[in-house]
């Protein structure tokens, strides 16, 4: 059933302590979102179906904005003229198809897209072309900026757990949170897809004029994949922190681009995989 809520109730049978019980359970909603891109000048407007991603409904405009920034299609908020839901859809598709119209000043060549934009909730955009494209961006973070006190990271972990409402009630949502360098929580987004949650955070930062993000960090509720480092590089975020592990490719890309990568964050402990110079330890 189509729903605009990020969560939904379902009936389940629960087996516990030798007792079978019928009860209601709260689940995270997962639905497809199609993004259609309109571009051109004057009367020569064109439309291209760009991507389909499985996401949790909510903050869809931010998701689209963050995705387009990550894919180097836009560079700033004003590159988007408008975003709206497509009205000419089947009833079951209502609210699941977005139209993004680029500003006429944006140069977009659809033939430059050398791979199919198809993502899903467990694994984002992958492949050798993605690795090559981010490796040739030439973007490298300024070393040692910003500096973060080591004791701050445990506080970030506690703060993230406190505000993960979707995860608290469903156990089925990833979270991405944008913090200032002094530990202030600025934006939190949850989604069934970790890459979607990240895109929503970046999209919200772009829409709320928080950019640039070179004095900020992002904390993730799960693991760190290559694509999340890729998105961090494009957004100019120098520090990526997670409660889970990074992949080998995530670490090598972070080292190449000067990103501080921290994983296995717990109360009082964490692993630094790259960019140690940004972390301040007690004497």
Protein backbone atom coordinates (compact mmCIF):
# COMPACT_ATOMS: atom_id res chain seq x y z
CA UNK A 1 0.00 0.00 0.00
CA UNK A 2 1.30 3.47 -0.94
CA UNK A 3 2.18 5.56 2.10
CA UNK A 4 3.76 8.94 2.73
CA UNK A 5 4.94 7.88 6.19
CA UNK A 6 8.51 6.66 6.78
CA UNK A 7 7.13 3.80 8.91
CA UNK A 8 4.20 1.40 8.68
CA UNK A 9 2.48 -1.18 10.88
CA UNK A 10 2.30 -4.85 9.90
CA UNK A 11 0.80 -7.89 11.62
CA UNK A 12 3.33 -10.54 12.67
CA UNK A 13 3.50 -13.76 14.64
CA UNK A 14 6.03 -13.53 17.45
CA UNK A 15 7.57 -16.63 19.06
CA UNK A 16 9.07 -15.88 22.48
CA UNK A 17 9.52 -18.02 25.61
CA UNK A 18 7.54 -20.88 24.04
CA UNK A 19 4.62 -18.59 23.38
CA UNK A 20 3.24 -17.74 19.93
CA UNK A 21 1.63 -14.33 19.87
CA UNK A 22 -0.06 -12.29 17.13
CA UNK A 23 0.96 -8.65 17.33
CA UNK A 24 1.65 -5.47 15.37
CA UNK A 25 5.19 -4.51 14.40
CA UNK A 26 6.55 -1.21 13.07
CA UNK A 27 8.67 -1.38 9.91
CA UNK A 28 10.65 1.14 7.91
CA UNK A 29 8.95 1.91 4.60
CA UNK A 30 10.91 1.19 1.42
CA UNK A 31 9.61 2.49 -1.92
CA UNK A 32 11.17 3.35 -5.28
CA UNK A 33 11.88 6.96 -6.19
CA UNK A 34 12.47 7.84 -9.83
CA UNK A 35 14.27 11.08 -10.65
CA UNK A 36 13.61 12.64 -14.05
CA UNK A 37 15.86 15.44 -15.20
CA UNK A 38 14.67 18.32 -17.41
CA UNK A 39 17.37 20.40 -19.06
CA UNK A 40 17.91 22.76 -21.99
CA UNK A 41 17.37 26.36 -23.07
CA UNK A 42 14.52 28.29 -24.62
CA UNK A 43 12.06 25.92 -26.28
CA UNK A 44 14.57 23.08 -26.51
CA UNK A 45 13.81 21.43 -23.18
CA UNK A 46 14.58 17.74 -22.92
CA UNK A 47 13.81 15.13 -20.29
CA UNK A 48 15.85 12.15 -19.16
CA UNK A 49 14.96 9.46 -16.64
CA UNK A 50 18.10 9.61 -14.54
CA UNK A 51 17.86 7.16 -11.66
CA UNK A 52 15.67 4.87 -9.60
CA UNK A 53 16.60 4.42 -5.96
CA UNK A 54 14.90 2.46 -3.21
CA UNK A 55 14.38 4.88 -0.34
CA UNK A 56 12.30 5.72 2.70
CA UNK A 57 9.73 8.43 1.77
CA UNK A 58 10.48 11.84 3.22
CA UNK A 59 12.94 14.62 2.33
CA UNK A 60 12.80 13.50 -1.31
CA UNK A 61 13.79 16.93 -2.65
CA UNK A 62 16.90 16.91 -0.46
CA UNK A 63 17.69 13.39 -1.64
CA UNK A 64 17.51 14.46 -5.27
CA UNK A 65 19.58 17.60 -4.64
CA UNK A 66 22.28 15.69 -2.77
CA UNK A 67 22.37 12.99 -5.44
CA UNK A 68 22.79 15.50 -8.27
CA UNK A 69 25.60 17.23 -6.40
CA UNK A 70 27.34 13.91 -5.76
CA UNK A 71 27.08 13.03 -9.44
CA UNK A 72 28.58 16.39 -10.48
CA UNK A 73 25.43 17.39 -12.38
CA UNK A 74 24.94 20.48 -10.21
CA UNK A 75 27.45 22.56 -8.26
CA UNK A 76 25.18 24.86 -6.24
CA UNK A 77 21.58 25.25 -5.13
CA UNK A 78 20.72 27.76 -7.87
CA UNK A 79 21.57 25.17 -10.54
CA UNK A 80 18.12 23.72 -9.86
CA UNK A 81 15.23 25.80 -11.18
CA UNK A 82 12.51 23.69 -9.59
CA UNK A 83 11.72 20.29 -8.10
CA UNK A 84 8.24 18.82 -8.07
CA UNK A 85 6.45 15.50 -8.00
CA UNK A 86 5.23 14.28 -11.37
CA UNK A 87 1.43 14.43 -11.58
CA UNK A 88 0.97 12.27 -14.69
CA UNK A 89 1.60 8.93 -13.02
CA UNK A 90 -0.33 5.85 -12.03
CA UNK A 91 -2.05 6.02 -8.62
CA UNK A 92 0.49 3.64 -7.09
CA UNK A 93 3.34 5.84 -8.39
CA UNK A 94 2.02 9.06 -6.85
CA UNK A 95 4.73 10.69 -4.76
CA UNK A 96 7.38 8.35 -6.16
CA UNK A 97 8.40 10.22 -9.32
CA UNK A 98 10.34 13.49 -9.12
CA UNK A 99 10.89 16.07 -11.83
CA UNK A 100 14.06 18.13 -11.40
CA UNK A 101 14.40 21.05 -13.80
CA UNK A 102 17.91 22.42 -14.21
CA UNK A 103 18.53 26.12 -14.64
CA UNK A 104 19.13 26.99 -18.33
CA UNK A 105 22.65 28.12 -17.41
CA UNK A 106 23.63 24.57 -16.44
CA UNK A 107 25.48 22.71 -19.17
CA UNK A 108 24.32 19.11 -19.10
CA UNK A 109 25.27 16.58 -21.74
CA UNK A 110 23.30 13.33 -21.28
CA UNK A 111 25.73 11.46 -23.53
CA UNK A 112 28.45 12.07 -20.93
CA UNK A 113 26.75 9.61 -18.61
CA UNK A 114 28.78 6.50 -19.36
CA UNK A 115 26.95 4.30 -16.89
CA UNK A 116 23.38 3.55 -15.94
CA UNK A 117 22.19 5.37 -12.82
CA UNK A 118 20.58 2.47 -11.00
CA UNK A 119 20.85 2.29 -7.22
CA UNK A 120 19.26 0.22 -4.52
CA UNK A 121 18.90 0.42 -0.77
CA UNK A 122 21.81 -1.85 0.13
CA UNK A 123 24.48 -0.81 -2.35
CA UNK A 124 24.84 2.50 -4.12
CA UNK A 125 26.45 3.33 -7.43
CA UNK A 126 29.38 1.04 -8.03
CA UNK A 127 31.80 0.05 -10.77
CA UNK A 128 35.17 0.95 -12.25
CA UNK A 129 33.81 4.03 -14.01
CA UNK A 130 32.69 5.43 -10.63
CA UNK A 131 36.16 4.87 -9.18
CA UNK A 132 37.87 6.43 -12.17
CA UNK A 133 35.57 9.46 -12.17
CA UNK A 134 36.17 10.33 -8.51
CA UNK A 135 39.92 9.63 -8.80
CA UNK A 136 40.26 12.23 -11.54
CA UNK A 137 38.30 14.97 -9.78
CA UNK A 138 41.51 16.45 -8.42
CA UNK A 139 39.80 17.37 -5.16
CA UNK A 140 41.96 17.00 -2.05
CA UNK A 141 41.10 18.23 1.42
CA UNK A 142 43.35 20.73 3.18
CA UNK A 143 45.32 18.67 5.73
CA UNK A 144 44.73 19.20 9.44
CA UNK A 145 41.57 21.29 9.04
CA UNK A 146 39.46 21.20 11.10
CA UNK A 147 40.93 19.84 14.34
CA UNK A 148 38.62 17.69 16.49
CA UNK A 149 39.27 16.71 20.10
CA UNK A 150 39.31 12.94 20.55
CA UNK A 151 36.84 13.05 23.46
CA UNK A 152 34.25 14.72 21.24
CA UNK A 153 33.71 11.64 19.13
CA UNK A 154 32.13 9.61 21.95
CA UNK A 155 29.69 12.46 22.52
CA UNK A 156 28.75 12.40 18.84
CA UNK A 157 27.98 8.70 19.07
CA UNK A 158 25.72 9.27 22.08
CA UNK A 159 23.99 12.18 20.36
CA UNK A 160 23.33 10.17 17.21
CA UNK A 161 21.73 7.34 19.18
CA UNK A 162 19.47 9.82 20.98
CA UNK A 163 18.03 11.29 17.78
CA UNK A 164 17.66 8.15 15.62
CA UNK A 165 13.90 7.99 16.05
CA UNK A 166 13.27 5.85 12.97
CA UNK A 167 15.84 3.27 14.00
CA UNK A 168 14.58 3.29 17.58
CA UNK A 169 11.10 2.20 16.51
CA UNK A 170 11.92 -0.04 13.54
CA UNK A 171 15.53 -1.18 13.81
CA UNK A 172 15.60 -0.86 10.01
CA UNK A 173 16.94 2.60 9.17
CA UNK A 174 20.41 3.99 8.58
CA UNK A 175 21.28 7.49 9.76
CA UNK A 176 23.62 10.21 8.58
CA UNK A 177 24.22 13.28 10.69
CA UNK A 178 26.05 16.53 9.97
CA UNK A 179 27.95 18.01 12.91
CA UNK A 180 29.94 21.21 13.28
CA UNK A 181 33.57 20.90 14.37
CA UNK A 182 32.52 21.71 17.96
CA UNK A 183 29.97 18.88 18.07
CA UNK A 184 26.74 20.73 17.32
CA UNK A 185 24.20 18.56 15.51
CA UNK A 186 23.01 20.47 12.44
CA UNK A 187 21.15 17.94 10.28
CA UNK A 188 19.99 14.35 10.78
CA UNK A 189 18.37 12.17 8.14
CA UNK A 190 17.31 8.50 8.23
CA UNK A 191 16.61 6.11 5.38
CA UNK A 192 16.65 2.41 4.54
CA UNK A 193 19.61 3.22 2.28
CA UNK A 194 22.79 4.59 3.86
CA UNK A 195 23.65 6.42 0.64
CA UNK A 196 20.17 7.98 0.58
CA UNK A 197 20.55 9.24 4.15
CA UNK A 198 23.86 10.83 3.17
CA UNK A 199 22.39 12.45 0.05
CA UNK A 200 19.52 13.86 2.12
CA UNK A 201 21.97 15.45 4.56
CA UNK A 202 24.02 17.05 1.78
CA UNK A 203 20.86 18.17 -0.02
CA UNK A 204 19.57 19.78 3.18
CA UNK A 205 22.91 21.53 3.71
CA UNK A 206 22.76 22.88 0.16
CA UNK A 207 19.16 24.04 0.48
CA UNK A 208 19.84 25.73 3.84
CA UNK A 209 23.03 27.51 2.71
CA UNK A 210 25.28 25.64 5.14
CA UNK A 211 27.81 24.94 2.39
CA UNK A 212 30.79 24.79 2.21
CA UNK A 213 31.25 21.89 4.62
CA UNK A 214 35.02 22.04 5.07
CA UNK A 215 34.61 22.75 8.81
CA UNK A 216 32.14 19.93 9.41
CA UNK A 217 31.98 16.18 9.81
CA UNK A 218 29.42 13.51 9.00
CA UNK A 219 28.66 10.56 11.25
CA UNK A 220 27.12 7.35 9.93
CA UNK A 221 25.19 4.70 11.81
CA UNK A 222 26.62 1.82 9.76
CA UNK A 223 29.69 0.96 7.73
CA UNK A 224 31.66 3.21 5.37
CA UNK A 225 31.63 2.12 1.73
CA UNK A 226 33.55 3.60 -1.18
CA UNK A 227 30.48 5.44 -2.43
CA UNK A 228 30.07 7.29 0.86
CA UNK A 229 33.67 8.48 0.69
CA UNK A 230 32.94 9.48 -2.90
CA UNK A 231 29.95 11.55 -1.79
CA UNK A 232 31.97 13.07 1.05
CA UNK A 233 34.70 14.16 -1.37
CA UNK A 234 32.20 15.80 -3.72
CA UNK A 235 30.51 17.63 -0.84
CA UNK A 236 33.86 18.79 0.57
CA UNK A 237 33.40 17.03 3.93
CA UNK A 238 36.82 16.36 5.48
CA UNK A 239 35.86 13.94 8.28
CA UNK A 240 33.73 10.81 8.00
CA UNK A 241 32.92 8.88 11.19
CA UNK A 242 30.99 5.62 11.57
CA UNK A 243 30.05 3.04 14.16
CA UNK A 244 30.93 0.32 11.65
CA UNK A 245 33.92 -0.63 9.53
CA UNK A 246 35.18 0.97 6.32
CA UNK A 247 35.94 -1.08 3.23
CA UNK A 248 39.47 -1.31 1.84
CA UNK A 249 38.51 0.82 -1.15
CA UNK A 250 36.97 3.44 1.14
CA UNK A 251 40.24 3.70 3.06
CA UNK A 252 42.44 3.95 -0.02
CA UNK A 253 40.21 6.66 -1.53
CA UNK A 254 40.14 8.58 1.76
CA UNK A 255 43.94 8.47 1.96
CA UNK A 256 44.26 9.66 -1.63
CA UNK A 257 41.91 12.61 -1.12
CA UNK A 258 42.99 13.59 2.39
CA UNK A 259 39.84 12.59 4.27
CA UNK A 260 39.89 11.59 7.94
CA UNK A 261 38.17 8.22 8.19
CA UNK A 262 37.13 6.91 11.62
CA UNK A 263 35.37 3.60 12.19
CA UNK A 264 34.20 1.31 15.01
CA UNK A 265 33.29 4.33 17.13
CA UNK A 266 32.21 3.32 20.62
CA UNK A 267 32.20 5.01 23.99
CA UNK A 268 35.86 5.80 24.58
CA UNK A 269 37.32 3.99 21.57
CA UNK A 270 37.61 4.28 17.78
CA UNK A 271 39.92 3.37 14.90
CA UNK A 272 41.53 5.99 12.66
CA UNK A 273 42.07 4.66 9.14
CA UNK A 274 43.30 7.88 7.53
CA UNK A 275 43.81 11.56 8.34
CA UNK A 276 45.09 11.18 11.94
CA UNK A 277 46.39 14.78 11.88
CA UNK A 278 42.85 16.16 12.36
CA UNK A 279 42.37 14.41 15.71
CA UNK A 280 43.63 16.11 18.88
CA UNK A 281 44.56 13.72 21.71
CA UNK A 282 45.21 14.58 25.38
CA UNK A 283 48.88 15.09 26.23
